[in-house]
Amino acid sequence: MNHKYRLKDNVDFKMVNKKSIKKYDFDLSDYYDEQTRLFTFPKGYVAWHLMAEVFRTFLIPLELVEEIKDE
């Protein structure tokens, strides 16, 4: 089962991305689809690890994203 994350409707991506860049030095824009509001995780280990850190310590605890489970 794969897990996908979607930015909640009431959350502004630009604000979230600015915070991610400022705090984590990681730009989320390459991994975010504005139409679906879904994130895709990068393939490379370093980028994947950085994005996981942003999710683990920022997006998930503040409930800015919702998890979508593939069946």
PDB file of N, CA and C in Angstrom:
ATOM      1  N   MET A   1       0.840  -1.179   0.000  1.00  0.00           N
ATOM      2  CA  MET A   1       0.000   0.000   0.000  1.00  0.00           C
ATOM      3  C   MET A   1       0.888   1.247   0.000  1.00  0.00           C
ATOM      4  N   ASN A   2       0.615   2.158  -0.921  1.00  0.00           N
ATOM      5  CA  ASN A   2       1.351   3.422  -0.995  1.00  0.00           C
ATOM      6  C   ASN A   2       0.569   4.509  -0.275  1.00  0.00           C
ATOM      7  N   HIS A   3       1.307   5.440   0.279  1.00  0.00           N
ATOM      8  CA  HIS A   3       0.673   6.576   0.943  1.00  0.00           C
ATOM      9  C   HIS A   3       0.985   7.838   0.157  1.00  0.00           C
ATOM     10  N   LYS A   4      -0.033   8.644  -0.037  1.00  0.00           N
ATOM     11  CA  LYS A   4       0.128   9.933  -0.699  1.00  0.00           C
ATOM     12  C   LYS A   4      -0.391  10.999   0.254  1.00  0.00           C
ATOM     13  N   TYR A   5       0.134  12.195   0.083  1.00  0.00           N
ATOM     14  CA  TYR A   5      -0.295  13.294   0.929  1.00  0.00           C
ATOM     15  C   TYR A   5      -0.823  14.422   0.071  1.00  0.00           C
ATOM     16  N   ARG A   6      -1.926  14.989   0.530  1.00  0.00           N
ATOM     17  CA  ARG A   6      -2.591  16.086  -0.150  1.00  0.00           C
ATOM     18  C   ARG A   6      -2.637  17.268   0.794  1.00  0.00           C
ATOM     19  N   LEU A   7      -2.314  18.436   0.277  1.00  0.00           N
ATOM     20  CA  LEU A   7      -2.407  19.658   1.059  1.00  0.00           C
ATOM     21  C   LEU A   7      -3.880  19.956   1.305  1.00  0.00           C
ATOM     22  N   LYS A   8      -4.234  20.227   2.531  1.00  0.00           N
ATOM     23  CA  LYS A   8      -5.638  20.509   2.859  1.00  0.00           C
ATOM     24  C   LYS A   8      -6.099  21.758   2.117  1.00  0.00           C
ATOM     25  N   ASP A   9      -7.382  21.809   1.827  1.00  0.00           N
ATOM     26  CA  ASP A   9      -7.961  22.880   1.013  1.00  0.00           C
ATOM     27  C   ASP A   9      -7.749  24.275   1.588  1.00  0.00           C
ATOM     28  N   ASN A  10      -7.764  24.404   2.879  1.00  0.00           N
ATOM     29  CA  ASN A  10      -7.650  25.734   3.490  1.00  0.00           C
ATOM     30  C   ASN A  10      -6.208  26.175   3.733  1.00  0.00           C
ATOM     31  N   VAL A  11      -5.238  25.417   3.214  1.00  0.00           N
ATOM     32  CA  VAL A  11      -3.823  25.719   3.443  1.00  0.00           C
ATOM     33  C   VAL A  11      -3.215  26.311   2.180  1.00  0.00           C
ATOM     34  N   ASP A  12      -2.499  27.405   2.339  1.00  0.00           N
ATOM     35  CA  ASP A  12      -1.856  28.106   1.233  1.00  0.00           C
ATOM     36  C   ASP A  12      -0.475  27.495   0.958  1.00  0.00           C
ATOM     37  N   PHE A  13      -0.313  26.910  -0.240  1.00  0.00           N
ATOM     38  CA  PHE A  13       0.951  26.265  -0.582  1.00  0.00           C
ATOM     39  C   PHE A  13       2.122  27.246  -0.530  1.00  0.00           C
ATOM     40  N   LYS A  14       1.929  28.452  -1.018  1.00  0.00           N
ATOM     41  CA  LYS A  14       3.042  29.425  -1.037  1.00  0.00           C
ATOM     42  C   LYS A  14       3.563  29.694   0.372  1.00  0.00           C
ATOM     43  N   MET A  15       2.675  29.806   1.337  1.00  0.00           N
ATOM     44  CA  MET A  15       3.080  30.015   2.728  1.00  0.00           C
ATOM     45  C   MET A  15       3.844  28.798   3.255  1.00  0.00           C
ATOM     46  N   VAL A  16       3.313  27.611   2.979  1.00  0.00           N
ATOM     47  CA  VAL A  16       3.952  26.376   3.427  1.00  0.00           C
ATOM     48  C   VAL A  16       5.339  26.247   2.797  1.00  0.00           C
ATOM     49  N   ASN A  17       5.441  26.536   1.512  1.00  0.00           N
ATOM     50  CA  ASN A  17       6.720  26.402   0.822  1.00  0.00           C
ATOM     51  C   ASN A  17       7.747  27.415   1.340  1.00  0.00           C
ATOM     52  N   LYS A  18       7.315  28.641   1.600  1.00  0.00           N
ATOM     53  CA  LYS A  18       8.237  29.647   2.158  1.00  0.00           C
ATOM     54  C   LYS A  18       8.789  29.186   3.502  1.00  0.00           C
ATOM     55  N   LYS A  19       7.927  28.619   4.337  1.00  0.00           N
ATOM     56  CA  LYS A  19       8.353  28.112   5.643  1.00  0.00           C
ATOM     57  C   LYS A  19       9.322  26.936   5.478  1.00  0.00           C
ATOM     58  N   SER A  20       9.039  26.066   4.528  1.00  0.00           N
ATOM     59  CA  SER A  20       9.911  24.918   4.275  1.00  0.00           C
ATOM     60  C   SER A  20      11.295  25.382   3.805  1.00  0.00           C
ATOM     61  N   ILE A  21      11.321  26.349   2.920  1.00  0.00           N
ATOM     62  CA  ILE A  21      12.603  26.867   2.429  1.00  0.00           C
ATOM     63  C   ILE A  21      13.368  27.548   3.557  1.00  0.00           C
ATOM     64  N   LYS A  22      12.661  28.356   4.338  1.00  0.00           N
ATOM     65  CA  LYS A  22      13.313  29.099   5.422  1.00  0.00           C
ATOM     66  C   LYS A  22      13.838  28.175   6.519  1.00  0.00           C
ATOM     67  N   LYS A  23      13.016  27.245   6.955  1.00  0.00           N
ATOM     68  CA  LYS A  23      13.379  26.393   8.086  1.00  0.00           C
ATOM     69  C   LYS A  23      14.232  25.189   7.694  1.00  0.00           C
ATOM     70  N   TYR A  24      13.956  24.588   6.529  1.00  0.00           N
ATOM     71  CA  TYR A  24      14.607  23.341   6.140  1.00  0.00           C
ATOM     72  C   TYR A  24      15.521  23.486   4.923  1.00  0.00           C
ATOM     73  N   ASP A  25      15.515  24.671   4.295  1.00  0.00           N
ATOM     74  CA  ASP A  25      16.268  24.901   3.062  1.00  0.00           C
ATOM     75  C   ASP A  25      15.861  23.884   1.990  1.00  0.00           C
ATOM     76  N   PHE A  26      14.550  23.618   1.919  1.00  0.00           N
ATOM     77  CA  PHE A  26      14.024  22.638   0.972  1.00  0.00           C
ATOM     78  C   PHE A  26      12.795  23.201   0.277  1.00  0.00           C
ATOM     79  N   ASP A  27      12.872  23.318  -1.048  1.00  0.00           N
ATOM     80  CA  ASP A  27      11.786  23.844  -1.870  1.00  0.00           C
ATOM     81  C   ASP A  27      10.857  22.701  -2.272  1.00  0.00           C
ATOM     82  N   LEU A  28       9.603  22.783  -1.882  1.00  0.00           N
ATOM     83  CA  LEU A  28       8.621  21.742  -2.158  1.00  0.00           C
ATOM     84  C   LEU A  28       7.982  21.853  -3.538  1.00  0.00           C
ATOM     85  N   SER A  29       8.197  22.972  -4.220  1.00  0.00           N
ATOM     86  CA  SER A  29       7.445  23.241  -5.448  1.00  0.00           C
ATOM     87  C   SER A  29       7.663  22.212  -6.556  1.00  0.00           C
ATOM     88  N   ASP A  30       8.832  21.581  -6.624  1.00  0.00           N
ATOM     89  CA  ASP A  30       9.070  20.562  -7.654  1.00  0.00           C
ATOM     90  C   ASP A  30       8.288  19.280  -7.392  1.00  0.00           C
ATOM     91  N   TYR A  31       7.761  19.130  -6.200  1.00  0.00           N
ATOM     92  CA  TYR A  31       7.090  17.892  -5.800  1.00  0.00           C
ATOM     93  C   TYR A  31       5.610  18.091  -5.510  1.00  0.00           C
ATOM     94  N   TYR A  32       5.084  19.243  -5.887  1.00  0.00           N
ATOM     95  CA  TYR A  32       3.699  19.587  -5.585  1.00  0.00           C
ATOM     96  C   TYR A  32       2.931  19.854  -6.868  1.00  0.00           C
ATOM     97  N   ASP A  33       1.751  19.276  -6.993  1.00  0.00           N
ATOM     98  CA  ASP A  33       0.879  19.499  -8.142  1.00  0.00           C
ATOM     99  C   ASP A  33      -0.248  20.432  -7.697  1.00  0.00           C
ATOM    100  N   GLU A  34      -0.279  21.638  -8.255  1.00  0.00           N
ATOM    101  CA  GLU A  34      -1.262  22.639  -7.834  1.00  0.00           C
ATOM    102  C   GLU A  34      -2.696  22.225  -8.130  1.00  0.00           C
ATOM    103  N   GLN A  35      -2.916  21.489  -9.201  1.00  0.00           N
ATOM    104  CA  GLN A  35      -4.281  21.105  -9.566  1.00  0.00           C
ATOM    105  C   GLN A  35      -4.849  20.043  -8.632  1.00  0.00           C
ATOM    106  N   THR A  36      -4.056  19.034  -8.315  1.00  0.00           N
ATOM    107  CA  THR A  36      -4.543  17.957  -7.458  1.00  0.00           C
ATOM    108  C   THR A  36      -4.233  18.204  -5.985  1.00  0.00           C
ATOM    109  N   ARG A  37      -3.312  19.143  -5.704  1.00  0.00           N
ATOM    110  CA  ARG A  37      -2.831  19.468  -4.365  1.00  0.00           C
ATOM    111  C   ARG A  37      -2.090  18.284  -3.734  1.00  0.00           C
ATOM    112  N   LEU A  38      -1.615  17.350  -4.576  1.00  0.00           N
ATOM    113  CA  LEU A  38      -0.883  16.180  -4.109  1.00  0.00           C
ATOM    114  C   LEU A  38       0.627  16.408  -4.164  1.00  0.00           C
ATOM    115  N   PHE A  39       1.323  15.782  -3.230  1.00  0.00           N
ATOM    116  CA  PHE A  39       2.776  15.785  -3.210  1.00  0.00           C
ATOM    117  C   PHE A  39       3.270  14.443  -3.739  1.00  0.00           C
ATOM    118  N   THR A  40       4.365  14.459  -4.474  1.00  0.00           N
ATOM    119  CA  THR A  40       5.058  13.236  -4.843  1.00  0.00           C
ATOM    120  C   THR A  40       6.450  13.306  -4.247  1.00  0.00           C
ATOM    121  N   PHE A  41       6.875  12.209  -3.669  1.00  0.00           N
ATOM    122  CA  PHE A  41       8.197  12.191  -3.042  1.00  0.00           C
ATOM    123  C   PHE A  41       9.268  11.985  -4.095  1.00  0.00           C
ATOM    124  N   PRO A  42      10.405  12.672  -3.937  1.00  0.00           N
ATOM    125  CA  PRO A  42      11.507  12.550  -4.898  1.00  0.00           C
ATOM    126  C   PRO A  42      12.108  11.147  -4.882  1.00  0.00           C
ATOM    127  N   LYS A  43      12.807  10.809  -5.953  1.00  0.00           N
ATOM    128  CA  LYS A  43      13.432   9.493  -6.081  1.00  0.00           C
ATOM    129  C   LYS A  43      14.775   9.421  -5.347  1.00  0.00           C
ATOM    130  N   GLY A  44      15.547  10.497  -5.371  1.00  0.00           N
ATOM    131  CA  GLY A  44      16.872  10.490  -4.761  1.00  0.00           C
ATOM    132  C   GLY A  44      16.815  10.461  -3.246  1.00  0.00           C
ATOM    133  N   TYR A  45      17.780   9.782  -2.632  1.00  0.00           N
ATOM    134  CA  TYR A  45      17.771   9.589  -1.184  1.00  0.00           C
ATOM    135  C   TYR A  45      17.833  10.898  -0.404  1.00  0.00           C
ATOM    136  N   VAL A  46      18.731  11.788  -0.764  1.00  0.00           N
ATOM    137  CA  VAL A  46      18.909  13.029   0.012  1.00  0.00           C
ATOM    138  C   VAL A  46      17.647  13.882  -0.055  1.00  0.00           C
ATOM    139  N   ALA A  47      17.128  14.082  -1.254  1.00  0.00           N
ATOM    140  CA  ALA A  47      15.906  14.880  -1.402  1.00  0.00           C
ATOM    141  C   ALA A  47      14.732  14.196  -0.703  1.00  0.00           C
ATOM    142  N   TRP A  48      14.645  12.877  -0.815  1.00  0.00           N
ATOM    143  CA  TRP A  48      13.572  12.134  -0.162  1.00  0.00           C
ATOM    144  C   TRP A  48      13.664  12.313   1.354  1.00  0.00           C
ATOM    145  N   HIS A  49      14.856  12.201   1.885  1.00  0.00           N
ATOM    146  CA  HIS A  49      15.065  12.343   3.326  1.00  0.00           C
ATOM    147  C   HIS A  49      14.687  13.757   3.801  1.00  0.00           C
ATOM    148  N   LEU A  50      15.095  14.774   3.062  1.00  0.00           N
ATOM    149  CA  LEU A  50      14.755  16.151   3.429  1.00  0.00           C
ATOM    150  C   LEU A  50      13.249  16.375   3.394  1.00  0.00           C
ATOM    151  N   MET A  51      12.613  15.867   2.357  1.00  0.00           N
ATOM    152  CA  MET A  51      11.164  16.046   2.259  1.00  0.00           C
ATOM    153  C   MET A  51      10.461  15.286   3.386  1.00  0.00           C
ATOM    154  N   ALA A  52      10.930  14.101   3.707  1.00  0.00           N
ATOM    155  CA  ALA A  52      10.350  13.338   4.812  1.00  0.00           C
ATOM    156  C   ALA A  52      10.470  14.105   6.125  1.00  0.00           C
ATOM    157  N   GLU A  53      11.577  14.780   6.320  1.00  0.00           N
ATOM    158  CA  GLU A  53      11.778  15.589   7.527  1.00  0.00           C
ATOM    159  C   GLU A  53      10.783  16.745   7.588  1.00  0.00           C
ATOM    160  N   VAL A  54      10.547  17.405   6.457  1.00  0.00           N
ATOM    161  CA  VAL A  54       9.567  18.495   6.388  1.00  0.00           C
ATOM    162  C   VAL A  54       8.182  17.960   6.759  1.00  0.00           C
ATOM    163  N   PHE A  55       7.831  16.807   6.235  1.00  0.00           N
ATOM    164  CA  PHE A  55       6.535  16.212   6.547  1.00  0.00           C
ATOM    165  C   PHE A  55       6.456  15.798   8.012  1.00  0.00           C
ATOM    166  N   ARG A  56       7.486  15.129   8.500  1.00  0.00           N
ATOM    167  CA  ARG A  56       7.479  14.572   9.854  1.00  0.00           C
ATOM    168  C   ARG A  56       7.452  15.643  10.936  1.00  0.00           C
ATOM    169  N   THR A  57       8.173  16.737  10.730  1.00  0.00           N
ATOM    170  CA  THR A  57       8.297  17.743  11.793  1.00  0.00           C
ATOM    171  C   THR A  57       7.481  19.015  11.559  1.00  0.00           C
ATOM    172  N   PHE A  58       6.878  19.153  10.384  1.00  0.00           N
ATOM    173  CA  PHE A  58       6.174  20.396  10.086  1.00  0.00           C
ATOM    174  C   PHE A  58       4.753  20.139   9.560  1.00  0.00           C
ATOM    175  N   LEU A  59       4.635  19.513   8.413  1.00  0.00           N
ATOM    176  CA  LEU A  59       3.330  19.400   7.768  1.00  0.00           C
ATOM    177  C   LEU A  59       2.350  18.477   8.506  1.00  0.00           C
ATOM    178  N   ILE A  60       2.805  17.314   8.915  1.00  0.00           N
ATOM    179  CA  ILE A  60       1.916  16.370   9.596  1.00  0.00           C
ATOM    180  C   ILE A  60       1.550  16.844  11.003  1.00  0.00           C
ATOM    181  N   PRO A  61       2.511  17.268  11.842  1.00  0.00           N
ATOM    182  CA  PRO A  61       2.130  17.711  13.197  1.00  0.00           C
ATOM    183  C   PRO A  61       1.167  18.906  13.208  1.00  0.00           C
ATOM    184  N   LEU A  62       1.309  19.788  12.226  1.00  0.00           N
ATOM    185  CA  LEU A  62       0.420  20.956  12.171  1.00  0.00           C
ATOM    186  C   LEU A  62      -0.868  20.675  11.395  1.00  0.00           C
ATOM    187  N   GLU A  63      -1.026  19.420  10.975  1.00  0.00           N
ATOM    188  CA  GLU A  63      -2.223  18.979  10.255  1.00  0.00           C
ATOM    189  C   GLU A  63      -2.501  19.834   9.015  1.00  0.00           C
ATOM    190  N   LEU A  64      -1.436  20.074   8.241  1.00  0.00           N
ATOM    191  CA  LEU A  64      -1.554  20.847   6.994  1.00  0.00           C
ATOM    192  C   LEU A  64      -1.802  19.951   5.793  1.00  0.00           C
ATOM    193  N   VAL A  65      -1.572  18.652   5.969  1.00  0.00           N
ATOM    194  CA  VAL A  65      -1.793  17.687   4.892  1.00  0.00           C
ATOM    195  C   VAL A  65      -2.710  16.570   5.393  1.00  0.00           C
ATOM    196  N   GLU A  66      -3.319  15.899   4.433  1.00  0.00           N
ATOM    197  CA  GLU A  66      -4.101  14.720   4.769  1.00  0.00           C
ATOM    198  C   GLU A  66      -3.538  13.544   3.988  1.00  0.00           C
ATOM    199  N   GLU A  67      -3.530  12.388   4.613  1.00  0.00           N
ATOM    200  CA  GLU A  67      -2.999  11.188   3.983  1.00  0.00           C
ATOM    201  C   GLU A  67      -4.072  10.538   3.130  1.00  0.00           C
ATOM    202  N   ILE A  68      -3.670  10.147   1.932  1.00  0.00           N
ATOM    203  CA  ILE A  68      -4.567   9.439   1.016  1.00  0.00           C
ATOM    204  C   ILE A  68      -3.952   8.071   0.788  1.00  0.00           C
ATOM    205  N   LYS A  69      -4.687   7.033   1.124  1.00  0.00           N
ATOM    206  CA  LYS A  69      -4.168   5.670   0.985  1.00  0.00           C
ATOM    207  C   LYS A  69      -4.663   5.063  -0.318  1.00  0.00           C
ATOM    208  N   ASP A  70      -3.717   4.535  -1.104  1.00  0.00           N
ATOM    209  CA  ASP A  70      -4.082   3.800  -2.322  1.00  0.00           C
ATOM    210  C   ASP A  70      -4.532   2.414  -1.931  1.00  0.00           C
ATOM    211  N   GLU A  71      -5.485   1.939  -2.622  1.00  0.00           N
ATOM    212  CA  GLU A  71      -5.984   0.580  -2.349  1.00  0.00           C
ATOM    213  C   GLU A  71      -5.328  -0.392  -3.278  1.00  0.00           C
TER     214      GLU A  71
END
